[in-house]
N, C-alpha and C. Protein backbone atom coordinates (compact mmCIF):
# COMPACT_ATOMS: atom_id res chain seq x y z
N MET A 1 -73.94 148.63 161.18
CA MET A 1 -73.65 148.92 159.78
C MET A 1 -74.93 148.73 158.98
N PRO A 2 -75.33 149.72 158.13
CA PRO A 2 -76.55 149.58 157.37
C PRO A 2 -76.41 148.49 156.31
N PRO A 3 -77.51 147.81 155.95
CA PRO A 3 -77.45 146.75 154.97
C PRO A 3 -77.04 147.28 153.60
N ALA A 4 -76.36 146.43 152.83
CA ALA A 4 -75.86 146.86 151.53
C ALA A 4 -76.87 146.66 150.42
N ARG A 5 -77.85 145.79 150.61
CA ARG A 5 -78.77 145.47 149.52
C ARG A 5 -79.59 146.64 149.03
N PRO A 6 -80.13 147.51 149.90
CA PRO A 6 -80.88 148.66 149.37
C PRO A 6 -80.02 149.58 148.52
N ARG A 7 -78.75 149.70 148.86
CA ARG A 7 -77.86 150.55 148.07
C ARG A 7 -77.69 150.02 146.65
N ILE A 8 -77.72 148.71 146.49
CA ILE A 8 -77.57 148.12 145.15
C ILE A 8 -78.76 148.54 144.28
N GLY A 9 -79.95 148.48 144.82
CA GLY A 9 -81.12 148.88 144.06
C GLY A 9 -81.10 150.35 143.68
N LEU A 10 -80.68 151.20 144.62
CA LEU A 10 -80.58 152.63 144.34
C LEU A 10 -79.52 152.91 143.28
N ALA A 11 -78.39 152.25 143.39
CA ALA A 11 -77.32 152.42 142.39
C ALA A 11 -77.79 151.93 141.04
N LEU A 12 -78.54 150.84 141.00
CA LEU A 12 -79.07 150.32 139.76
C LEU A 12 -80.02 151.32 139.10
N SER A 13 -80.88 151.95 139.90
CA SER A 13 -81.77 152.97 139.35
C SER A 13 -81.01 154.18 138.83
N ALA A 14 -79.96 154.58 139.54
CA ALA A 14 -79.17 155.72 139.09
C ALA A 14 -78.47 155.40 137.78
N VAL A 15 -77.89 154.20 137.67
CA VAL A 15 -77.22 153.81 136.43
C VAL A 15 -78.24 153.71 135.30
N GLY A 16 -79.44 153.19 135.61
CA GLY A 16 -80.49 153.13 134.59
C GLY A 16 -80.89 154.52 134.11
N GLY A 17 -80.95 155.48 135.01
CA GLY A 17 -81.25 156.85 134.61
C GLY A 17 -80.18 157.45 133.71
N ILE A 18 -78.91 157.14 134.03
CA ILE A 18 -77.82 157.62 133.20
C ILE A 18 -77.89 157.01 131.80
N LEU A 19 -78.12 155.69 131.72
CA LEU A 19 -78.23 155.03 130.43
C LEU A 19 -79.40 155.57 129.61
N THR A 20 -80.53 155.83 130.28
CA THR A 20 -81.69 156.35 129.59
C THR A 20 -81.40 157.73 129.00
N ALA A 21 -80.74 158.58 129.79
CA ALA A 21 -80.41 159.92 129.29
C ALA A 21 -79.40 159.85 128.16
N ILE A 22 -78.41 158.98 128.26
CA ILE A 22 -77.41 158.85 127.20
C ILE A 22 -78.04 158.34 125.92
N SER A 23 -79.01 157.44 126.04
CA SER A 23 -79.61 156.82 124.84
C SER A 23 -80.27 157.83 123.92
N VAL A 24 -80.71 158.95 124.47
CA VAL A 24 -81.40 159.96 123.66
C VAL A 24 -80.48 160.51 122.59
N TYR A 25 -79.18 160.56 122.87
CA TYR A 25 -78.22 161.16 121.92
C TYR A 25 -77.47 160.11 121.10
N GLN A 26 -77.80 158.85 121.28
CA GLN A 26 -77.20 157.77 120.49
C GLN A 26 -78.02 157.56 119.22
N PRO A 27 -77.47 156.93 118.19
CA PRO A 27 -78.25 156.67 116.98
C PRO A 27 -79.40 155.68 117.27
N TRP A 28 -80.62 156.09 116.90
CA TRP A 28 -81.81 155.25 117.06
C TRP A 28 -82.16 154.58 115.73
N TYR A 29 -81.99 155.30 114.64
CA TYR A 29 -82.39 154.79 113.34
C TYR A 29 -81.29 155.03 112.32
N GLY A 30 -81.20 154.12 111.36
CA GLY A 30 -80.36 154.31 110.20
C GLY A 30 -81.27 154.63 109.02
N LEU A 31 -81.05 155.75 108.36
CA LEU A 31 -81.88 156.21 107.26
C LEU A 31 -81.27 155.76 105.95
N GLY A 32 -82.06 155.09 105.12
CA GLY A 32 -81.63 154.66 103.78
C GLY A 32 -82.67 155.02 102.75
N PHE A 33 -82.35 154.78 101.47
CA PHE A 33 -83.26 155.10 100.37
C PHE A 33 -83.76 153.82 99.73
N THR A 34 -85.02 153.86 99.27
CA THR A 34 -85.61 152.73 98.56
C THR A 34 -85.31 152.87 97.07
N PRO A 35 -85.51 151.79 96.29
CA PRO A 35 -85.34 151.90 94.84
C PRO A 35 -86.29 152.93 94.22
N ALA A 36 -87.46 153.13 94.82
CA ALA A 36 -88.39 154.14 94.29
C ALA A 36 -87.82 155.53 94.46
N ALA A 37 -87.11 155.78 95.55
CA ALA A 37 -86.49 157.11 95.75
C ALA A 37 -85.39 157.34 94.74
N VAL A 38 -84.62 156.31 94.46
CA VAL A 38 -83.53 156.45 93.45
C VAL A 38 -84.15 156.68 92.07
N GLY A 39 -85.22 155.96 91.74
CA GLY A 39 -85.89 156.17 90.46
C GLY A 39 -86.47 157.56 90.33
N ALA A 40 -87.07 158.06 91.40
CA ALA A 40 -87.63 159.42 91.37
C ALA A 40 -86.53 160.46 91.21
N ALA A 41 -85.40 160.27 91.88
CA ALA A 41 -84.29 161.22 91.74
C ALA A 41 -83.73 161.18 90.34
N GLU A 42 -83.61 159.98 89.78
CA GLU A 42 -83.10 159.83 88.42
C GLU A 42 -84.03 160.53 87.42
N GLN A 43 -85.34 160.38 87.65
CA GLN A 43 -86.31 161.02 86.75
C GLN A 43 -86.25 162.53 86.87
N GLU A 44 -86.10 163.04 88.07
CA GLU A 44 -86.00 164.50 88.26
C GLU A 44 -84.74 165.06 87.62
N ILE A 45 -83.64 164.36 87.74
CA ILE A 45 -82.39 164.83 87.15
C ILE A 45 -82.49 164.81 85.63
N SER A 46 -83.13 163.77 85.08
CA SER A 46 -83.25 163.71 83.62
C SER A 46 -84.20 164.76 83.07
N SER A 47 -85.09 165.32 83.88
CA SER A 47 -86.01 166.34 83.39
C SER A 47 -85.38 167.74 83.38
N VAL A 48 -84.22 167.89 84.02
CA VAL A 48 -83.56 169.19 84.05
C VAL A 48 -82.65 169.30 82.83
N PRO A 49 -82.82 170.36 82.00
CA PRO A 49 -81.98 170.50 80.80
C PRO A 49 -80.52 170.66 81.21
N GLY A 50 -79.67 169.95 80.54
CA GLY A 50 -78.24 170.02 80.80
C GLY A 50 -77.77 168.95 81.78
N LEU A 51 -78.66 168.43 82.57
CA LEU A 51 -78.27 167.38 83.53
C LEU A 51 -78.76 166.00 83.10
N SER A 52 -79.57 165.93 82.07
CA SER A 52 -80.15 164.66 81.66
C SER A 52 -79.08 163.63 81.28
N GLN A 53 -77.93 164.10 80.80
CA GLN A 53 -76.87 163.16 80.43
C GLN A 53 -76.26 162.46 81.65
N TYR A 54 -76.43 163.06 82.84
CA TYR A 54 -75.85 162.49 84.07
C TYR A 54 -76.85 161.61 84.84
N ALA A 55 -78.08 161.57 84.40
CA ALA A 55 -79.14 160.84 85.14
C ALA A 55 -78.80 159.37 85.26
N ASP A 56 -78.34 158.76 84.19
CA ASP A 56 -78.04 157.32 84.24
C ASP A 56 -76.88 157.02 85.20
N ARG A 57 -75.86 157.89 85.16
CA ARG A 57 -74.71 157.68 86.05
C ARG A 57 -75.09 157.85 87.52
N VAL A 58 -75.90 158.87 87.78
CA VAL A 58 -76.35 159.09 89.15
C VAL A 58 -77.24 157.94 89.60
N GLY A 59 -78.13 157.48 88.74
CA GLY A 59 -79.01 156.36 89.09
C GLY A 59 -78.23 155.09 89.36
N ALA A 60 -77.20 154.83 88.55
CA ALA A 60 -76.40 153.62 88.74
C ALA A 60 -75.60 153.69 90.04
N ALA A 61 -75.07 154.85 90.34
CA ALA A 61 -74.30 155.00 91.59
C ALA A 61 -75.23 154.93 92.80
N ALA A 62 -76.40 155.54 92.70
CA ALA A 62 -77.33 155.54 93.83
C ALA A 62 -77.96 154.19 94.05
N SER A 63 -78.11 153.39 93.01
CA SER A 63 -78.73 152.08 93.18
C SER A 63 -77.87 151.14 94.00
N THR A 64 -76.57 151.39 94.11
CA THR A 64 -75.72 150.53 94.93
C THR A 64 -75.93 150.76 96.43
N VAL A 65 -76.49 151.88 96.80
CA VAL A 65 -76.69 152.16 98.24
C VAL A 65 -78.15 151.99 98.67
N THR A 66 -79.03 151.59 97.79
CA THR A 66 -80.44 151.42 98.17
C THR A 66 -80.55 150.31 99.22
N GLY A 67 -81.38 150.61 100.21
CA GLY A 67 -81.60 149.63 101.27
C GLY A 67 -80.57 149.63 102.38
N HIS A 68 -79.47 150.33 102.20
CA HIS A 68 -78.43 150.41 103.22
C HIS A 68 -78.56 151.72 103.99
N PRO A 69 -78.43 151.69 105.33
CA PRO A 69 -78.51 152.94 106.08
C PRO A 69 -77.32 153.85 105.78
N LEU A 70 -77.61 155.07 105.43
CA LEU A 70 -76.57 156.04 105.09
C LEU A 70 -76.35 157.08 106.19
N ILE A 71 -77.44 157.40 106.90
CA ILE A 71 -77.40 158.45 107.90
C ILE A 71 -77.94 157.89 109.21
N ALA A 72 -77.28 158.22 110.32
CA ALA A 72 -77.76 157.81 111.64
C ALA A 72 -78.55 158.97 112.26
N LEU A 73 -79.70 158.66 112.79
CA LEU A 73 -80.56 159.67 113.42
C LEU A 73 -80.77 159.32 114.89
N SER A 74 -80.61 160.31 115.76
CA SER A 74 -80.81 160.09 117.21
C SER A 74 -82.26 160.43 117.58
N ALA A 75 -82.64 160.02 118.77
CA ALA A 75 -83.98 160.36 119.27
C ALA A 75 -84.09 161.87 119.46
N HIS A 76 -83.01 162.51 119.81
CA HIS A 76 -83.03 163.95 119.96
C HIS A 76 -83.34 164.66 118.65
N GLN A 77 -82.94 164.05 117.53
CA GLN A 77 -83.18 164.64 116.21
C GLN A 77 -84.58 164.39 115.68
N VAL A 78 -85.13 163.21 115.92
CA VAL A 78 -86.39 162.87 115.27
C VAL A 78 -87.56 162.61 116.21
N LEU A 79 -87.30 162.36 117.46
CA LEU A 79 -88.38 162.05 118.42
C LEU A 79 -88.39 163.12 119.52
N HIS A 80 -88.89 164.28 119.20
CA HIS A 80 -88.77 165.41 120.11
C HIS A 80 -89.49 165.17 121.44
N HIS A 81 -90.73 164.73 121.41
CA HIS A 81 -91.49 164.55 122.66
C HIS A 81 -90.98 163.33 123.43
N VAL A 82 -90.65 162.26 122.72
CA VAL A 82 -90.15 161.06 123.38
C VAL A 82 -88.78 161.34 124.00
N SER A 83 -87.94 162.10 123.30
CA SER A 83 -86.61 162.37 123.84
C SER A 83 -86.70 163.23 125.10
N VAL A 84 -87.61 164.18 125.14
CA VAL A 84 -87.80 164.99 126.34
C VAL A 84 -88.31 164.12 127.49
N ALA A 85 -89.25 163.25 127.19
CA ALA A 85 -89.80 162.34 128.22
C ALA A 85 -88.70 161.43 128.77
N LEU A 86 -87.86 160.88 127.89
CA LEU A 86 -86.77 160.00 128.36
C LEU A 86 -85.73 160.78 129.18
N LEU A 87 -85.45 162.01 128.80
CA LEU A 87 -84.52 162.83 129.59
C LEU A 87 -85.08 163.13 130.97
N VAL A 88 -86.39 163.43 131.06
CA VAL A 88 -87.02 163.71 132.35
C VAL A 88 -87.01 162.44 133.20
N ILE A 89 -87.33 161.31 132.60
CA ILE A 89 -87.33 160.02 133.33
C ILE A 89 -85.92 159.72 133.85
N GLY A 90 -84.91 159.88 133.01
CA GLY A 90 -83.55 159.64 133.43
C GLY A 90 -83.11 160.58 134.56
N ALA A 91 -83.45 161.87 134.44
CA ALA A 91 -83.08 162.83 135.48
C ALA A 91 -83.79 162.52 136.80
N ALA A 92 -85.06 162.14 136.75
CA ALA A 92 -85.79 161.80 137.96
C ALA A 92 -85.18 160.58 138.66
N ALA A 93 -84.82 159.59 137.85
CA ALA A 93 -84.20 158.38 138.42
C ALA A 93 -82.86 158.70 139.06
N ILE A 94 -82.06 159.50 138.40
CA ILE A 94 -80.75 159.86 138.96
C ILE A 94 -80.92 160.67 140.24
N LEU A 95 -81.80 161.68 140.19
CA LEU A 95 -81.98 162.57 141.34
C LEU A 95 -82.54 161.84 142.55
N LEU A 96 -83.63 161.07 142.36
CA LEU A 96 -84.23 160.37 143.49
C LEU A 96 -83.28 159.32 144.08
N SER A 97 -82.55 158.63 143.22
CA SER A 97 -81.63 157.59 143.70
C SER A 97 -80.46 158.20 144.45
N LEU A 98 -79.89 159.28 143.93
CA LEU A 98 -78.76 159.89 144.61
C LEU A 98 -79.15 160.54 145.93
N ILE A 99 -80.34 161.13 145.99
CA ILE A 99 -80.81 161.70 147.25
C ILE A 99 -80.98 160.59 148.30
N ALA A 100 -81.55 159.46 147.90
CA ALA A 100 -81.73 158.35 148.84
C ALA A 100 -80.39 157.75 149.22
N LEU A 101 -79.44 157.67 148.28
CA LEU A 101 -78.11 157.13 148.60
C LEU A 101 -77.37 158.03 149.58
N ALA A 102 -77.59 159.32 149.49
CA ALA A 102 -76.90 160.26 150.37
C ALA A 102 -77.51 160.33 151.77
N SER A 103 -78.72 159.82 151.92
CA SER A 103 -79.37 159.89 153.23
C SER A 103 -78.80 158.82 154.15
N ALA A 104 -79.12 158.94 155.46
CA ALA A 104 -78.61 158.00 156.45
C ALA A 104 -79.16 156.60 156.21
N ALA A 105 -80.43 156.47 155.90
CA ALA A 105 -81.05 155.18 155.59
C ALA A 105 -81.23 155.09 154.08
N PRO A 106 -80.44 154.26 153.41
CA PRO A 106 -80.49 154.25 151.95
C PRO A 106 -81.69 153.49 151.40
N VAL A 107 -82.87 154.04 151.62
CA VAL A 107 -84.10 153.40 151.19
C VAL A 107 -84.99 154.47 150.56
N LEU A 108 -85.57 154.17 149.43
CA LEU A 108 -86.52 155.07 148.80
C LEU A 108 -87.82 155.05 149.59
N PRO A 109 -88.45 156.18 149.79
CA PRO A 109 -89.80 156.15 150.35
C PRO A 109 -90.72 155.38 149.39
N PRO A 110 -91.76 154.73 149.90
CA PRO A 110 -92.62 153.94 149.02
C PRO A 110 -93.18 154.72 147.83
N GLN A 111 -93.53 155.99 148.05
CA GLN A 111 -94.07 156.79 146.95
C GLN A 111 -93.03 157.02 145.87
N SER A 112 -91.78 157.26 146.29
CA SER A 112 -90.70 157.48 145.31
C SER A 112 -90.40 156.20 144.55
N GLY A 113 -90.41 155.06 145.23
CA GLY A 113 -90.17 153.79 144.56
C GLY A 113 -91.23 153.50 143.52
N GLN A 114 -92.49 153.77 143.89
CA GLN A 114 -93.59 153.56 142.95
C GLN A 114 -93.50 154.54 141.78
N LEU A 115 -93.13 155.77 142.07
CA LEU A 115 -92.97 156.78 141.01
C LEU A 115 -91.87 156.35 140.04
N LEU A 116 -90.73 155.90 140.58
CA LEU A 116 -89.64 155.47 139.70
C LEU A 116 -90.03 154.26 138.87
N ALA A 117 -90.72 153.31 139.47
CA ALA A 117 -91.15 152.12 138.72
C ALA A 117 -92.11 152.54 137.61
N GLY A 118 -93.03 153.45 137.91
CA GLY A 118 -93.97 153.93 136.90
C GLY A 118 -93.27 154.68 135.78
N LEU A 119 -92.33 155.55 136.14
CA LEU A 119 -91.62 156.30 135.12
C LEU A 119 -90.77 155.39 134.23
N GLY A 120 -90.12 154.41 134.83
CA GLY A 120 -89.33 153.46 134.04
C GLY A 120 -90.21 152.67 133.10
N LEU A 121 -91.38 152.30 133.57
CA LEU A 121 -92.32 151.55 132.73
C LEU A 121 -92.83 152.41 131.58
N ILE A 122 -93.14 153.66 131.85
CA ILE A 122 -93.57 154.59 130.79
C ILE A 122 -92.47 154.76 129.75
N GLY A 123 -91.22 154.93 130.21
CA GLY A 123 -90.09 155.07 129.27
C GLY A 123 -89.93 153.84 128.41
N ALA A 124 -90.08 152.65 129.01
CA ALA A 124 -89.96 151.41 128.23
C ALA A 124 -91.09 151.29 127.21
N ILE A 125 -92.29 151.70 127.58
CA ILE A 125 -93.42 151.62 126.65
C ILE A 125 -93.22 152.60 125.49
N LEU A 126 -92.78 153.82 125.79
CA LEU A 126 -92.52 154.80 124.71
C LEU A 126 -91.43 154.31 123.77
N THR A 127 -90.39 153.73 124.35
CA THR A 127 -89.29 153.22 123.51
C THR A 127 -89.75 152.06 122.64
N ALA A 128 -90.49 151.13 123.24
CA ALA A 128 -90.97 149.98 122.46
C ALA A 128 -91.90 150.43 121.35
N TYR A 129 -92.74 151.43 121.63
CA TYR A 129 -93.64 151.95 120.62
C TYR A 129 -92.86 152.52 119.43
N ARG A 130 -91.79 153.26 119.71
CA ARG A 130 -91.00 153.85 118.63
C ARG A 130 -90.09 152.85 117.96
N MET A 131 -89.88 151.69 118.58
CA MET A 131 -89.16 150.61 117.89
C MET A 131 -90.09 149.89 116.91
N ILE A 132 -91.34 149.71 117.35
CA ILE A 132 -92.33 149.03 116.50
C ILE A 132 -92.82 149.93 115.37
N ASP A 133 -93.06 151.21 115.70
CA ASP A 133 -93.57 152.18 114.73
C ASP A 133 -92.61 153.35 114.59
N PRO A 134 -91.54 153.19 113.80
CA PRO A 134 -90.59 154.29 113.64
C PRO A 134 -91.23 155.45 112.87
N PRO A 135 -90.74 156.68 113.11
CA PRO A 135 -91.34 157.85 112.46
C PRO A 135 -90.84 158.05 111.03
N ASN A 136 -91.35 157.26 110.13
CA ASN A 136 -90.94 157.34 108.72
C ASN A 136 -91.93 158.21 107.96
N PRO A 137 -91.54 159.43 107.52
CA PRO A 137 -92.47 160.33 106.86
C PRO A 137 -92.88 159.86 105.46
N ALA A 138 -92.01 159.13 104.78
CA ALA A 138 -92.32 158.66 103.41
C ALA A 138 -91.80 157.25 103.27
N PRO A 139 -92.58 156.24 103.71
CA PRO A 139 -92.10 154.86 103.65
C PRO A 139 -91.78 154.38 102.24
N GLY A 140 -92.37 155.00 101.23
CA GLY A 140 -92.09 154.60 99.86
C GLY A 140 -90.70 155.03 99.40
N PHE A 141 -90.12 156.04 100.05
CA PHE A 141 -88.84 156.56 99.62
C PHE A 141 -87.71 156.32 100.61
N PHE A 142 -88.03 156.16 101.91
CA PHE A 142 -87.00 156.02 102.93
C PHE A 142 -87.18 154.71 103.71
N THR A 143 -86.07 154.13 104.12
CA THR A 143 -86.11 152.98 105.03
C THR A 143 -85.46 153.39 106.33
N LEU A 144 -86.04 152.91 107.42
CA LEU A 144 -85.46 153.18 108.73
C LEU A 144 -85.13 151.83 109.40
N SER A 145 -83.91 151.68 109.83
CA SER A 145 -83.51 150.47 110.54
C SER A 145 -83.09 150.86 111.95
N LEU A 146 -83.33 149.95 112.90
CA LEU A 146 -83.01 150.23 114.29
C LEU A 146 -81.50 150.19 114.53
N ARG A 147 -81.04 151.10 115.37
CA ARG A 147 -79.63 151.15 115.77
C ARG A 147 -79.55 150.89 117.27
N VAL A 148 -78.52 151.30 117.93
CA VAL A 148 -78.26 150.97 119.33
C VAL A 148 -79.09 151.78 120.32
N GLY A 149 -79.54 152.98 119.98
CA GLY A 149 -80.22 153.87 120.92
C GLY A 149 -81.44 153.30 121.61
N PRO A 150 -82.42 152.75 120.88
CA PRO A 150 -83.60 152.24 121.58
C PRO A 150 -83.31 151.05 122.47
N PHE A 151 -82.34 150.25 122.12
CA PHE A 151 -81.99 149.11 122.97
C PHE A 151 -81.35 149.60 124.27
N LEU A 152 -80.53 150.63 124.16
CA LEU A 152 -79.92 151.23 125.36
C LEU A 152 -80.99 151.86 126.24
N ALA A 153 -81.98 152.49 125.62
CA ALA A 153 -83.08 153.08 126.39
C ALA A 153 -83.88 152.00 127.12
N LEU A 154 -84.12 150.88 126.45
CA LEU A 154 -84.86 149.77 127.10
C LEU A 154 -84.08 149.23 128.28
N VAL A 155 -82.77 149.06 128.13
CA VAL A 155 -81.95 148.56 129.23
C VAL A 155 -81.98 149.57 130.38
N GLY A 156 -81.86 150.86 130.08
CA GLY A 156 -81.89 151.89 131.12
C GLY A 156 -83.21 151.93 131.85
N CYS A 157 -84.32 151.88 131.12
CA CYS A 157 -85.63 151.89 131.77
C CYS A 157 -85.87 150.62 132.59
N GLY A 158 -85.38 149.50 132.08
CA GLY A 158 -85.49 148.25 132.84
C GLY A 158 -84.69 148.31 134.13
N ALA A 159 -83.51 148.93 134.08
CA ALA A 159 -82.70 149.09 135.29
C ALA A 159 -83.38 150.03 136.29
N ILE A 160 -84.06 151.05 135.81
CA ILE A 160 -84.78 151.95 136.71
C ILE A 160 -85.88 151.18 137.43
N VAL A 161 -86.63 150.39 136.69
CA VAL A 161 -87.72 149.61 137.30
C VAL A 161 -87.15 148.57 138.27
N ALA A 162 -86.13 147.84 137.84
CA ALA A 162 -85.55 146.82 138.71
C ALA A 162 -84.96 147.41 139.98
N GLY A 163 -84.28 148.54 139.85
CA GLY A 163 -83.70 149.19 141.03
C GLY A 163 -84.75 149.71 141.99
N SER A 164 -85.87 150.19 141.45
CA SER A 164 -86.91 150.72 142.34
C SER A 164 -87.67 149.60 143.04
N LEU A 165 -87.66 148.40 142.45
CA LEU A 165 -88.34 147.26 143.08
C LEU A 165 -87.40 146.35 143.85
N TRP A 166 -86.14 146.76 143.96
CA TRP A 166 -85.12 145.94 144.64
C TRP A 166 -85.52 145.76 146.09
N PRO A 167 -85.29 144.59 146.69
CA PRO A 167 -85.65 144.39 148.09
C PRO A 167 -84.92 145.38 148.98
N THR A 168 -85.64 145.93 149.95
CA THR A 168 -85.06 146.94 150.82
C THR A 168 -84.80 146.43 152.22
N ARG A 169 -85.17 145.21 152.54
CA ARG A 169 -84.95 144.69 153.88
C ARG A 169 -84.07 143.46 153.84
N GLU A 170 -83.23 143.35 154.82
CA GLU A 170 -82.41 142.15 155.02
C GLU A 170 -83.26 141.15 155.81
N PRO A 171 -82.97 139.85 155.70
CA PRO A 171 -83.68 138.89 156.53
C PRO A 171 -83.46 139.20 158.01
N ALA A 172 -84.43 138.92 158.82
CA ALA A 172 -84.34 139.21 160.25
C ALA A 172 -83.21 138.42 160.86
N ALA A 173 -82.45 139.06 161.77
CA ALA A 173 -81.29 138.43 162.38
C ALA A 173 -81.72 137.31 163.35
N ASP A 174 -82.91 137.43 163.94
CA ASP A 174 -83.33 136.44 164.91
C ASP A 174 -84.03 135.25 164.26
N ALA A 175 -84.06 135.16 162.95
CA ALA A 175 -84.73 134.05 162.27
C ALA A 175 -83.95 132.76 162.43
N ALA A 176 -82.65 132.82 162.50
CA ALA A 176 -81.82 131.63 162.67
C ALA A 176 -81.15 131.67 164.05
N PRO A 177 -81.31 130.62 164.86
CA PRO A 177 -80.66 130.60 166.17
C PRO A 177 -79.13 130.62 166.02
N ALA A 178 -78.47 131.16 167.01
CA ALA A 178 -77.02 131.31 166.93
C ALA A 178 -76.29 129.99 167.07
N ASP A 179 -76.80 129.09 167.93
CA ASP A 179 -76.05 127.82 168.10
C ASP A 179 -76.78 126.69 167.41
N PRO A 180 -76.02 125.74 166.82
CA PRO A 180 -76.64 124.65 166.11
C PRO A 180 -77.41 123.69 167.01
N ALA A 181 -77.04 123.62 168.28
CA ALA A 181 -77.77 122.73 169.20
C ALA A 181 -79.19 123.22 169.39
N GLY A 182 -79.39 124.53 169.35
CA GLY A 182 -80.74 125.07 169.47
C GLY A 182 -81.60 124.69 168.30
N VAL A 183 -81.02 124.57 167.11
CA VAL A 183 -81.78 124.16 165.94
C VAL A 183 -82.26 122.72 166.12
N TRP A 184 -81.34 121.85 166.58
CA TRP A 184 -81.72 120.44 166.74
C TRP A 184 -82.81 120.28 167.79
N SER A 185 -82.71 121.02 168.88
CA SER A 185 -83.70 120.87 169.93
C SER A 185 -85.07 121.38 169.47
N GLU A 186 -85.08 122.39 168.60
CA GLU A 186 -86.36 122.87 168.11
C GLU A 186 -86.98 121.88 167.15
N LEU A 187 -86.17 121.20 166.35
CA LEU A 187 -86.69 120.25 165.37
C LEU A 187 -87.13 118.94 166.00
N SER A 188 -86.34 118.43 166.95
CA SER A 188 -86.65 117.10 167.47
C SER A 188 -87.26 117.10 168.85
N GLY A 189 -87.16 118.17 169.54
CA GLY A 189 -87.63 118.18 170.92
C GLY A 189 -86.60 117.64 171.87
N TRP A 190 -85.50 117.15 171.38
CA TRP A 190 -84.43 116.60 172.21
C TRP A 190 -83.50 117.71 172.62
N THR A 191 -83.09 117.72 173.84
CA THR A 191 -82.17 118.70 174.34
C THR A 191 -80.85 118.03 174.64
N PRO A 192 -79.77 118.51 174.04
CA PRO A 192 -78.47 117.87 174.31
C PRO A 192 -78.05 118.08 175.77
N SER A 193 -77.35 117.12 176.35
CA SER A 193 -76.96 117.26 177.72
C SER A 193 -75.53 117.73 177.86
């Protein structure tokens, strides 16, 4: 019977690939407005003839939502290159893991394991970069807060790396003698009669 431990690593990489691919379509950022954006909108409304009477009402209503995320944005919507990279990383992890799981010996070739570990690490670095430096086009007017997507991507990339580095060999069967008397005789030099 083949050992079960290599299959756990391959399954972990496959699940990590699935999580990474799913994370691209989950909310990554919550978009909100700053008080400067509300003030600019109020000023623009007051400069339009016929709408100036509504500027104060709009400003008062909009000031209650400043700083709160109003719209959720996914990586697919705002991080075009990163989302494609994460989808490719997820697909590679799923494909390589499932091919190895379907084979007679459920072990990744060393090159594939290194490739998966490298891809998972690249995905984690890209995700961490976009968590630290979100793509805010106008920081004076918009606020971006992190949502669940980048955390899911980090977990997925971490699972890809962990699965690709999972131990592939069981301990040797001949490392422990079968009978306990043999252990004692090896340790003490005494042979039971």
